[in-house]
Amino acid sequence: KSARQRRVKGLGDVSIRVRDLHALHKFYEEVVRREALSRDESFVVF
């Protein structure tokens, strides 16, 4: 019972280091159709 009560119900954030941020940014916006919440020259959050 105690293990069932502590089950993961979702992930809040996942972070990935990428070599071509521009290409992945474009992919997630245009192909996957995700909304960019925040961005900078070195990161983007969807």
All heavy atoms as atom14 arrays in JSON, in Angstrom:
{
  "sequence": "KSARQRRVKGLGDVSIRVRDLHALHKFYEEVVRREALSRDESFVVF",
  "atom14_mask": [
    [1, 1, 1, 1, 1, 1, 1, 1, 1, 0, 0, 0, 0, 0],
    [1, 1, 1, 1, 1, 1, 0, 0, 0, 0, 0, 0, 0, 0],
    [1, 1, 1, 1, 1, 0, 0, 0, 0, 0, 0, 0, 0, 0],
    [1, 1, 1, 1, 1, 1, 1, 1, 1, 1, 1, 0, 0, 0],
    [1, 1, 1, 1, 1, 1, 1, 1, 1, 0, 0, 0, 0, 0],
    [1, 1, 1, 1, 1, 1, 1, 1, 1, 1, 1, 0, 0, 0],
    [1, 1, 1, 1, 1, 1, 1, 1, 1, 1, 1, 0, 0, 0],
    [1, 1, 1, 1, 1, 1, 1, 0, 0, 0, 0, 0, 0, 0],
    [1, 1, 1, 1, 1, 1, 1, 1, 1, 0, 0, 0, 0, 0],
    [1, 1, 1, 1, 0, 0, 0, 0, 0, 0, 0, 0, 0, 0],
    [1, 1, 1, 1, 1, 1, 1, 1, 0, 0, 0, 0, 0, 0],
    [1, 1, 1, 1, 0, 0, 0, 0, 0, 0, 0, 0, 0, 0],
    [1, 1, 1, 1, 1, 1, 1, 1, 0, 0, 0, 0, 0, 0],
    [1, 1, 1, 1, 1, 1, 1, 0, 0, 0, 0, 0, 0, 0],
    [1, 1, 1, 1, 1, 1, 0, 0, 0, 0, 0, 0, 0, 0],
    [1, 1, 1, 1, 1, 1, 1, 1, 0, 0, 0, 0, 0, 0],
    [1, 1, 1, 1, 1, 1, 1, 1, 1, 1, 1, 0, 0, 0],
    [1, 1, 1, 1, 1, 1, 1, 0, 0, 0, 0, 0, 0, 0],
    [1, 1, 1, 1, 1, 1, 1, 1, 1, 1, 1, 0, 0, 0],
    [1, 1, 1, 1, 1, 1, 1, 1, 0, 0, 0, 0, 0, 0],
    [1, 1, 1, 1, 1, 1, 1, 1, 0, 0, 0, 0, 0, 0],
    [1, 1, 1, 1, 1, 1, 1, 1, 1, 1, 0, 0, 0, 0],
    [1, 1, 1, 1, 1, 0, 0, 0, 0, 0, 0, 0, 0, 0],
    [1, 1, 1, 1, 1, 1, 1, 1, 0, 0, 0, 0, 0, 0],
    [1, 1, 1, 1, 1, 1, 1, 1, 1, 1, 0, 0, 0, 0],
    [1, 1, 1, 1, 1, 1, 1, 1, 1, 0, 0, 0, 0, 0],
    [1, 1, 1, 1, 1, 1, 1, 1, 1, 1, 1, 0, 0, 0],
    [1, 1, 1, 1, 1, 1, 1, 1, 1, 1, 1, 1, 0, 0],
    [1, 1, 1, 1, 1, 1, 1, 1, 1, 0, 0, 0, 0, 0],
    [1, 1, 1, 1, 1, 1, 1, 1, 1, 0, 0, 0, 0, 0],
    [1, 1, 1, 1, 1, 1, 1, 0, 0, 0, 0, 0, 0, 0],
    [1, 1, 1, 1, 1, 1, 1, 0, 0, 0, 0, 0, 0, 0],
    [1, 1, 1, 1, 1, 1, 1, 1, 1, 1, 1, 0, 0, 0],
    [1, 1, 1, 1, 1, 1, 1, 1, 1, 1, 1, 0, 0, 0],
    [1, 1, 1, 1, 1, 1, 1, 1, 1, 0, 0, 0, 0, 0],
    [1, 1, 1, 1, 1, 0, 0, 0, 0, 0, 0, 0, 0, 0],
    [1, 1, 1, 1, 1, 1, 1, 1, 0, 0, 0, 0, 0, 0],
    [1, 1, 1, 1, 1, 1, 0, 0, 0, 0, 0, 0, 0, 0],
    [1, 1, 1, 1, 1, 1, 1, 1, 1, 1, 1, 0, 0, 0],
    [1, 1, 1, 1, 1, 1, 1, 1, 0, 0, 0, 0, 0, 0],
    [1, 1, 1, 1, 1, 1, 1, 1, 1, 0, 0, 0, 0, 0],
    [1, 1, 1, 1, 1, 1, 0, 0, 0, 0, 0, 0, 0, 0],
    [1, 1, 1, 1, 1, 1, 1, 1, 1, 1, 1, 0, 0, 0],
    [1, 1, 1, 1, 1, 1, 1, 0, 0, 0, 0, 0, 0, 0],
    [1, 1, 1, 1, 1, 1, 1, 0, 0, 0, 0, 0, 0, 0],
    [1, 1, 1, 1, 1, 1, 1, 1, 1, 1, 1, 0, 0, 0]
  ],
  "atom14_positions": [
    [[0.81, -1.22, 0.0], [0.0, 0.0, 0.0], [0.85, 1.27, 0.0], [0.57, 2.21, -0.73], [-0.94, 0.0, 1.19], [-1.87, 1.18, 1.21], [-2.82, 1.12, 2.38], [-3.7, 2.34, 2.4], [-4.62, 2.35, 3.53], [0.0, 0.0, 0.0], [0.0, 0.0, 0.0], [0.0, 0.0, 0.0], [0.0, 0.0, 0.0], [0.0, 0.0, 0.0]],
    [[1.91, 1.33, 0.8], [2.72, 2.56, 0.87], [3.46, 2.81, -0.44], [3.64, 3.94, -0.85], [3.67, 2.54, 2.05], [4.87, 1.91, 1.76], [0.0, 0.0, 0.0], [0.0, 0.0, 0.0], [0.0, 0.0, 0.0], [0.0, 0.0, 0.0], [0.0, 0.0, 0.0], [0.0, 0.0, 0.0], [0.0, 0.0, 0.0], [0.0, 0.0, 0.0]],
    [[3.89, 1.75, -1.13], [4.54, 1.92, -2.44], [3.55, 2.46, -3.46], [3.9, 3.28, -4.3], [5.13, 0.6, -2.91], [0.0, 0.0, 0.0], [0.0, 0.0, 0.0], [0.0, 0.0, 0.0], [0.0, 0.0, 0.0], [0.0, 0.0, 0.0], [0.0, 0.0, 0.0], [0.0, 0.0, 0.0], [0.0, 0.0, 0.0], [0.0, 0.0, 0.0]],
    [[2.31, 2.02, -3.43], [1.29, 2.53, -4.36], [1.0, 4.0, -4.12], [0.76, 4.75, -5.05], [0.0, 1.71, -4.23], [0.06, 0.38, -4.93], [-1.33, -0.22, -5.05], [-1.97, -0.39, -3.75], [-1.95, -1.5, -3.03], [-1.31, -2.55, -3.47], [-2.58, -1.58, -1.88], [0.0, 0.0, 0.0], [0.0, 0.0, 0.0], [0.0, 0.0, 0.0]],
    [[1.04, 4.43, -2.9], [0.75, 5.82, -2.57], [1.86, 6.75, -3.06], [1.63, 7.92, -3.26], [0.55, 5.99, -1.07], [-0.71, 5.33, -0.58], [-0.79, 5.36, 0.94], [0.19, 5.54, 1.64], [-2.0, 5.14, 1.45], [0.0, 0.0, 0.0], [0.0, 0.0, 0.0], [0.0, 0.0, 0.0], [0.0, 0.0, 0.0], [0.0, 0.0, 0.0]],
    [[3.06, 6.26, -3.25], [4.19, 7.08, -3.65], [4.52, 6.95, -5.13], [5.59, 7.34, -5.56], [5.42, 6.74, -2.82], [5.29, 7.17, -1.39], [6.49, 6.77, -0.63], [6.35, 5.31, -0.43], [7.24, 4.52, 0.1], [8.38, 5.0, 0.49], [7.05, 3.24, 0.24], [0.0, 0.0, 0.0], [0.0, 0.0, 0.0], [0.0, 0.0, 0.0]],
    [[3.65, 6.43, -5.93], [3.92, 6.24, -7.35], [4.09, 7.58, -8.06], [3.43, 8.56, -7.74], [2.8, 5.46, -8.0], [2.73, 4.03, -7.49], [1.62, 3.29, -8.1], [1.98, 2.97, -9.48], [1.24, 2.25, -10.28], [0.09, 1.78, -9.87], [1.63, 2.0, -11.5], [0.0, 0.0, 0.0], [0.0, 0.0, 0.0], [0.0, 0.0, 0.0]],
    [[4.97, 7.61, -9.03], [5.18, 8.81, -9.84], [3.93, 9.05, -10.66], [3.44, 8.15, -11.34], [6.41, 8.65, -10.75], [6.54, 9.83, -11.7], [7.66, 8.48, -9.92], [0.0, 0.0, 0.0], [0.0, 0.0, 0.0], [0.0, 0.0, 0.0], [0.0, 0.0, 0.0], [0.0, 0.0, 0.0], [0.0, 0.0, 0.0], [0.0, 0.0, 0.0]],
    [[3.42, 10.27, -10.62], [2.2, 10.61, -11.35], [2.49, 11.45, -12.58], [1.62, 11.69, -13.39], [1.23, 11.33, -10.42], [0.78, 10.43, -9.29], [-0.18, 11.12, -8.38], [-0.63, 10.12, -7.33], [-1.01, 10.68, -6.1], [0.0, 0.0, 0.0], [0.0, 0.0, 0.0], [0.0, 0.0, 0.0], [0.0, 0.0, 0.0], [0.0, 0.0, 0.0]],
    [[3.7, 11.92, -12.69], [4.07, 12.72, -13.85], [5.45, 13.34, -13.66], [5.98, 13.36, -12.56], [0.0, 0.0, 0.0], [0.0, 0.0, 0.0], [0.0, 0.0, 0.0], [0.0, 0.0, 0.0], [0.0, 0.0, 0.0], [0.0, 0.0, 0.0], [0.0, 0.0, 0.0], [0.0, 0.0, 0.0], [0.0, 0.0, 0.0], [0.0, 0.0, 0.0]],
    [[6.02, 13.8, -14.74], [7.3, 14.5, -14.69], [7.05, 15.97, -14.96], [6.33, 16.32, -15.89], [8.26, 13.95, -15.75], [8.73, 12.52, -15.56], [9.59, 12.09, -16.74], [9.51, 12.39, -14.27], [0.0, 0.0, 0.0], [0.0, 0.0, 0.0], [0.0, 0.0, 0.0], [0.0, 0.0, 0.0], [0.0, 0.0, 0.0], [0.0, 0.0, 0.0]],
    [[7.63, 16.82, -14.16], [7.44, 18.25, -14.35], [8.36, 18.83, -15.4], [7.94, 19.59, -16.26], [0.0, 0.0, 0.0], [0.0, 0.0, 0.0], [0.0, 0.0, 0.0], [0.0, 0.0, 0.0], [0.0, 0.0, 0.0], [0.0, 0.0, 0.0], [0.0, 0.0, 0.0], [0.0, 0.0, 0.0], [0.0, 0.0, 0.0], [0.0, 0.0, 0.0]],
    [[9.62, 18.45, -15.35], [10.61, 19.01, -16.26], [11.59, 17.94, -16.72], [12.01, 17.1, -15.93], [11.42, 20.12, -15.57], [10.54, 21.26, -15.1], [9.97, 21.93, -15.97], [10.46, 21.46, -13.89], [0.0, 0.0, 0.0], [0.0, 0.0, 0.0], [0.0, 0.0, 0.0], [0.0, 0.0, 0.0], [0.0, 0.0, 0.0], [0.0, 0.0, 0.0]],
    [[11.95, 18.03, -17.99], [12.99, 17.19, -18.56], [13.95, 18.14, -19.25], [13.52, 19.03, -20.0], [12.43, 16.17, -19.56], [13.54, 15.42, -20.25], [11.48, 15.21, -18.87], [0.0, 0.0, 0.0], [0.0, 0.0, 0.0], [0.0, 0.0, 0.0], [0.0, 0.0, 0.0], [0.0, 0.0, 0.0], [0.0, 0.0, 0.0], [0.0, 0.0, 0.0]],
    [[15.25, 17.99, -18.99], [16.27, 18.85, -19.61], [17.23, 18.0, -20.41], [17.66, 16.95, -19.95], [17.05, 19.61, -18.53], [16.19, 20.43, -17.79], [0.0, 0.0, 0.0], [0.0, 0.0, 0.0], [0.0, 0.0, 0.0], [0.0, 0.0, 0.0], [0.0, 0.0, 0.0], [0.0, 0.0, 0.0], [0.0, 0.0, 0.0], [0.0, 0.0, 0.0]],
    [[17.56, 18.49, -21.62], [18.45, 17.77, -22.51], [19.47, 18.75, -23.09], [19.11, 19.85, -23.52], [17.66, 17.12, -23.68], [16.59, 16.18, -23.14], [18.61, 16.39, -24.62], [15.66, 15.65, -24.21], [0.0, 0.0, 0.0], [0.0, 0.0, 0.0], [0.0, 0.0, 0.0], [0.0, 0.0, 0.0], [0.0, 0.0, 0.0], [0.0, 0.0, 0.0]],
    [[20.73, 18.34, -23.11], [21.79, 19.12, -23.77], [21.83, 18.68, -25.23], [21.87, 17.48, -25.52], [23.12, 18.89, -23.1], [23.16, 19.47, -21.7], [24.45, 19.2, -20.99], [25.54, 19.88, -21.68], [26.8, 19.48, -21.62], [27.13, 18.41, -20.95], [27.74, 20.15, -22.26], [0.0, 0.0, 0.0], [0.0, 0.0, 0.0], [0.0, 0.0, 0.0]],
    [[21.81, 19.63, -26.16], [21.78, 19.32, -27.6], [22.91, 20.04, -28.33], [23.39, 21.07, -27.89], [20.42, 19.7, -28.22], [19.29, 18.92, -27.56], [20.15, 21.19, -28.12], [0.0, 0.0, 0.0], [0.0, 0.0, 0.0], [0.0, 0.0, 0.0], [0.0, 0.0, 0.0], [0.0, 0.0, 0.0], [0.0, 0.0, 0.0], [0.0, 0.0, 0.0]],
    [[23.32, 19.48, -29.45], [24.4, 20.09, -30.23], [23.91, 21.17, -31.17], [24.64, 22.08, -31.49], [25.14, 19.02, -31.01], [25.92, 18.11, -30.11], [26.78, 17.18, -30.88], [27.45, 16.3, -29.93], [28.14, 15.27, -30.27], [28.29, 14.95, -31.52], [28.72, 14.53, -29.34], [0.0, 0.0, 0.0], [0.0, 0.0, 0.0], [0.0, 0.0, 0.0]],
    [[22.66, 21.05, -31.66], [22.13, 22.04, -32.6], [20.82, 22.59, -32.06], [19.73, 22.14, -32.43], [21.93, 21.41, -33.98], [21.63, 22.45, -35.05], [21.25, 23.59, -34.71], [21.78, 22.12, -36.24], [0.0, 0.0, 0.0], [0.0, 0.0, 0.0], [0.0, 0.0, 0.0], [0.0, 0.0, 0.0], [0.0, 0.0, 0.0], [0.0, 0.0, 0.0]],
    [[20.93, 23.55, -31.15], [19.75, 24.12, -30.49], [18.79, 24.73, -31.5], [17.58, 24.55, -31.39], [20.18, 25.16, -29.45], [19.05, 25.8, -28.65], [18.32, 24.76, -27.82], [19.62, 26.89, -27.75], [0.0, 0.0, 0.0], [0.0, 0.0, 0.0], [0.0, 0.0, 0.0], [0.0, 0.0, 0.0], [0.0, 0.0, 0.0], [0.0, 0.0, 0.0]],
    [[19.31, 25.42, -32.48], [18.44, 26.07, -33.49], [17.57, 25.03, -34.21], [16.37, 25.23, -34.36], [19.29, 26.85, -34.49], [18.47, 27.46, -35.58], [17.64, 28.55, -35.37], [18.32, 27.12, -36.89], [17.03, 28.85, -36.51], [17.44, 27.99, -37.44], [0.0, 0.0, 0.0], [0.0, 0.0, 0.0], [0.0, 0.0, 0.0], [0.0, 0.0, 0.0]],
    [[18.17, 23.93, -34.64], [17.42, 22.9, -35.37], [16.36, 22.25, -34.49], [15.22, 22.05, -34.93], [18.37, 21.84, -35.91], [0.0, 0.0, 0.0], [0.0, 0.0, 0.0], [0.0, 0.0, 0.0], [0.0, 0.0, 0.0], [0.0, 0.0, 0.0], [0.0, 0.0, 0.0], [0.0, 0.0, 0.0], [0.0, 0.0, 0.0], [0.0, 0.0, 0.0]],
    [[16.71, 21.94, -33.23], [15.74, 21.32, -32.33], [14.64, 22.3, -31.94], [13.47, 21.9, -31.82], [16.44, 20.78, -31.08], [16.97, 19.35, -31.15], [15.88, 18.32, -31.08], [17.88, 19.1, -32.27], [0.0, 0.0, 0.0], [0.0, 0.0, 0.0], [0.0, 0.0, 0.0], [0.0, 0.0, 0.0], [0.0, 0.0, 0.0], [0.0, 0.0, 0.0]],
    [[14.99, 23.56, -31.76], [14.0, 24.6, -31.46], [12.97, 24.65, -32.59], [11.76, 24.61, -32.36], [14.7, 25.94, -31.3], [13.8, 27.07, -30.96], [14.27, 28.32, -30.71], [12.46, 27.17, -30.86], [13.26, 29.13, -30.45], [12.16, 28.45, -30.54], [0.0, 0.0, 0.0], [0.0, 0.0, 0.0], [0.0, 0.0, 0.0], [0.0, 0.0, 0.0]],
    [[13.45, 24.71, -33.81], [12.58, 24.76, -34.98], [11.72, 23.49, -35.07], [10.52, 23.56, -35.33], [13.44, 24.91, -36.23], [12.67, 25.12, -37.49], [13.62, 25.39, -38.64], [12.82, 25.57, -39.94], [13.68, 25.85, -41.07], [0.0, 0.0, 0.0], [0.0, 0.0, 0.0], [0.0, 0.0, 0.0], [0.0, 0.0, 0.0], [0.0, 0.0, 0.0]],
    [[12.32, 22.32, -34.83], [11.59, 21.05, -34.88], [10.44, 21.03, -33.88], [9.3, 20.7, -34.24], [12.55, 19.88, -34.6], [11.85, 18.56, -34.48], [11.45, 17.87, -35.6], [11.61, 18.0, -33.23], [10.8, 16.64, -35.49], [10.97, 16.78, -33.1], [10.56, 16.11, -34.24], [0.0, 0.0, 0.0], [0.0, 0.0, 0.0], [0.0, 0.0, 0.0]],
    [[10.7, 21.37, -32.62], [9.64, 21.32, -31.6], [8.55, 22.36, -31.85], [7.38, 22.11, -31.55], [10.22, 21.44, -30.2], [10.7, 20.12, -29.68], [12.04, 19.77, -29.78], [9.83, 19.19, -29.13], [12.49, 18.54, -29.33], [10.26, 17.97, -28.69], [11.59, 17.65, -28.79], [12.03, 16.42, -28.35], [0.0, 0.0, 0.0], [0.0, 0.0, 0.0]],
    [[8.89, 23.51, -32.41], [7.87, 24.52, -32.7], [7.06, 24.16, -33.94], [5.83, 24.23, -33.93], [8.5, 25.89, -32.89], [8.74, 26.61, -31.61], [9.09, 28.08, -31.8], [9.51, 28.49, -32.9], [8.93, 28.81, -30.82], [0.0, 0.0, 0.0], [0.0, 0.0, 0.0], [0.0, 0.0, 0.0], [0.0, 0.0, 0.0], [0.0, 0.0, 0.0]],
    [[7.73, 23.77, -35.03], [7.06, 23.59, -36.31], [6.51, 22.19, -36.54], [5.45, 22.05, -37.13], [8.0, 23.98, -37.45], [8.38, 25.45, -37.4], [9.37, 25.85, -38.48], [9.69, 25.02, -39.36], [9.84, 27.01, -38.43], [0.0, 0.0, 0.0], [0.0, 0.0, 0.0], [0.0, 0.0, 0.0], [0.0, 0.0, 0.0], [0.0, 0.0, 0.0]],
    [[7.22, 21.18, -36.11], [6.78, 19.81, -36.38], [5.94, 19.25, -35.23], [4.84, 18.75, -35.44], [7.99, 18.88, -36.65], [7.55, 17.44, -36.85], [8.77, 19.39, -37.87], [0.0, 0.0, 0.0], [0.0, 0.0, 0.0], [0.0, 0.0, 0.0], [0.0, 0.0, 0.0], [0.0, 0.0, 0.0], [0.0, 0.0, 0.0], [0.0, 0.0, 0.0]],
    [[6.45, 19.37, -34.01], [5.74, 18.84, -32.85], [4.66, 19.83, -32.37], [3.75, 19.45, -31.66], [6.74, 18.5, -31.71], [6.04, 17.86, -30.53], [7.83, 17.57, -32.23], [0.0, 0.0, 0.0], [0.0, 0.0, 0.0], [0.0, 0.0, 0.0], [0.0, 0.0, 0.0], [0.0, 0.0, 0.0], [0.0, 0.0, 0.0], [0.0, 0.0, 0.0]],
    [[4.77, 21.08, -32.81], [3.79, 22.14, -32.48], [3.71, 22.42, -30.99], [2.63, 22.51, -30.4], [2.41, 21.8, -33.02], [2.35, 21.62, -34.5], [1.89, 22.89, -35.12], [1.66, 22.7, -36.54], [1.98, 23.6, -37.43], [2.51, 24.72, -37.06], [1.77, 23.38, -38.71], [0.0, 0.0, 0.0], [0.0, 0.0, 0.0], [0.0, 0.0, 0.0]],
    [[4.85, 22.59, -30.36], [4.91, 22.93, -28.94], [5.19, 24.41, -28.78], [5.92, 25.01, -29.56], [6.0, 22.14, -28.22], [5.79, 20.63, -28.2], [4.61, 20.2, -27.36], [3.4, 20.19, -28.16], [2.17, 20.22, -27.68], [1.95, 20.27, -26.4], [1.14, 20.23, -28.48], [0.0, 0.0, 0.0], [0.0, 0.0, 0.0], [0.0, 0.0, 0.0]],
    [[4.63, 24.98, -27.75], [4.77, 26.41, -27.44], [6.06, 26.64, -26.65], [6.3, 26.01, -25.63], [3.57, 26.83, -26.59], [3.66, 28.19, -26.0], [2.55, 28.46, -24.98], [1.69, 27.6, -24.76], [2.59, 29.55, -24.4], [0.0, 0.0, 0.0], [0.0, 0.0, 0.0], [0.0, 0.0, 0.0], [0.0, 0.0, 0.0], [0.0, 0.0, 0.0]],
    [[6.9, 27.57, -27.13], [8.11, 27.94, -26.4], [7.72, 28.88, -25.26], [7.12, 29.92, -25.48], [9.12, 28.62, -27.32], [0.0, 0.0, 0.0], [0.0, 0.0, 0.0], [0.0, 0.0, 0.0], [0.0, 0.0, 0.0], [0.0, 0.0, 0.0], [0.0, 0.0, 0.0], [0.0, 0.0, 0.0], [0.0, 0.0, 0.0], [0.0, 0.0, 0.0]],
    [[8.01, 28.48, -24.03], [7.69, 29.31, -22.87], [8.76, 30.34, -22.57], [8.48, 31.42, -22.09], [7.51, 28.41, -21.63], [6.39, 27.39, -21.68], [6.42, 26.52, -20.44], [5.05, 28.1, -21.8], [0.0, 0.0, 0.0], [0.0, 0.0, 0.0], [0.0, 0.0, 0.0], [0.0, 0.0, 0.0], [0.0, 0.0, 0.0], [0.0, 0.0, 0.0]],
    [[10.02, 29.95, -22.85], [11.14, 30.82, -22.57], [12.29, 30.44, -23.5], [12.44, 29.27, -23.83], [11.57, 30.63, -21.1], [12.65, 31.46, -20.79], [0.0, 0.0, 0.0], [0.0, 0.0, 0.0], [0.0, 0.0, 0.0], [0.0, 0.0, 0.0], [0.0, 0.0, 0.0], [0.0, 0.0, 0.0], [0.0, 0.0, 0.0], [0.0, 0.0, 0.0]],
    [[13.07, 31.45, -23.9], [14.22, 31.12, -24.75], [15.3, 32.17, -24.61], [15.05, 33.31, -24.21], [13.8, 30.94, -26.19], [13.19, 32.16, -26.82], [12.77, 31.87, -28.25], [11.53, 32.57, -28.5], [10.65, 32.23, -29.39], [10.85, 31.18, -30.13], [9.56, 32.92, -29.55], [0.0, 0.0, 0.0], [0.0, 0.0, 0.0], [0.0, 0.0, 0.0]],
    [[16.49, 31.72, -24.94], [17.69, 32.54, -24.87], [18.59, 31.98, -25.96], [18.27, 30.98, -26.59], [18.3, 32.35, -23.47], [19.47, 33.27, -23.19], [20.41, 33.28, -24.0], [19.45, 33.95, -22.17], [0.0, 0.0, 0.0], [0.0, 0.0, 0.0], [0.0, 0.0, 0.0], [0.0, 0.0, 0.0], [0.0, 0.0, 0.0], [0.0, 0.0, 0.0]],
    [[19.75, 32.57, -26.16], [20.65, 32.05, -27.19], [21.21, 30.68, -26.82], [21.67, 29.94, -27.68], [21.78, 33.02, -27.46], [22.65, 33.28, -26.26], [23.63, 34.4, -26.5], [23.3, 35.36, -27.21], [24.74, 34.31, -25.96], [0.0, 0.0, 0.0], [0.0, 0.0, 0.0], [0.0, 0.0, 0.0], [0.0, 0.0, 0.0], [0.0, 0.0, 0.0]],
    [[21.15, 30.28, -25.54], [21.73, 29.0, -25.14], [20.71, 27.99, -24.61], [21.08, 26.88, -24.23], [22.81, 29.21, -24.09], [22.24, 29.77, -22.92], [0.0, 0.0, 0.0], [0.0, 0.0, 0.0], [0.0, 0.0, 0.0], [0.0, 0.0, 0.0], [0.0, 0.0, 0.0], [0.0, 0.0, 0.0], [0.0, 0.0, 0.0], [0.0, 0.0, 0.0]],
    [[19.41, 28.34, -24.59], [18.39, 27.39, -24.15], [17.02, 27.77, -24.68], [16.78, 28.91, -25.09], [18.32, 27.3, -22.61], [17.68, 28.49, -21.96], [16.32, 28.53, -21.76], [18.44, 29.58, -21.56], [15.71, 29.63, -21.16], [17.86, 30.69, -20.96], [16.48, 30.7, -20.77], [0.0, 0.0, 0.0], [0.0, 0.0, 0.0], [0.0, 0.0, 0.0]],
    [[16.1, 26.8, -24.66], [14.69, 27.03, -24.96], [13.88, 26.05, -24.12], [14.28, 24.91, -23.91], [14.37, 26.89, -26.47], [14.67, 25.51, -26.97], [12.93, 27.27, -26.78], [0.0, 0.0, 0.0], [0.0, 0.0, 0.0], [0.0, 0.0, 0.0], [0.0, 0.0, 0.0], [0.0, 0.0, 0.0], [0.0, 0.0, 0.0], [0.0, 0.0, 0.0]],
    [[12.75, 26.52, -23.58], [11.88, 25.69, -22.76], [10.52, 25.61, -23.45], [9.93, 26.64, -23.8], [11.71, 26.27, -21.33], [10.76, 25.4, -20.5], [13.05, 26.41, -20.65], [0.0, 0.0, 0.0], [0.0, 0.0, 0.0], [0.0, 0.0, 0.0], [0.0, 0.0, 0.0], [0.0, 0.0, 0.0], [0.0, 0.0, 0.0], [0.0, 0.0, 0.0]],
    [[10.02, 24.38, -23.63], [8.74, 24.14, -24.28], [7.74, 23.58, -23.29], [8.09, 22.77, -22.44], [8.87, 23.11, -25.41], [9.68, 23.6, -26.56], [11.01, 23.26, -26.66], [9.11, 24.38, -27.54], [11.78, 23.7, -27.73], [9.87, 24.83, -28.61], [11.2, 24.49, -28.7], [0.0, 0.0, 0.0], [0.0, 0.0, 0.0], [0.0, 0.0, 0.0]]
  ]
}
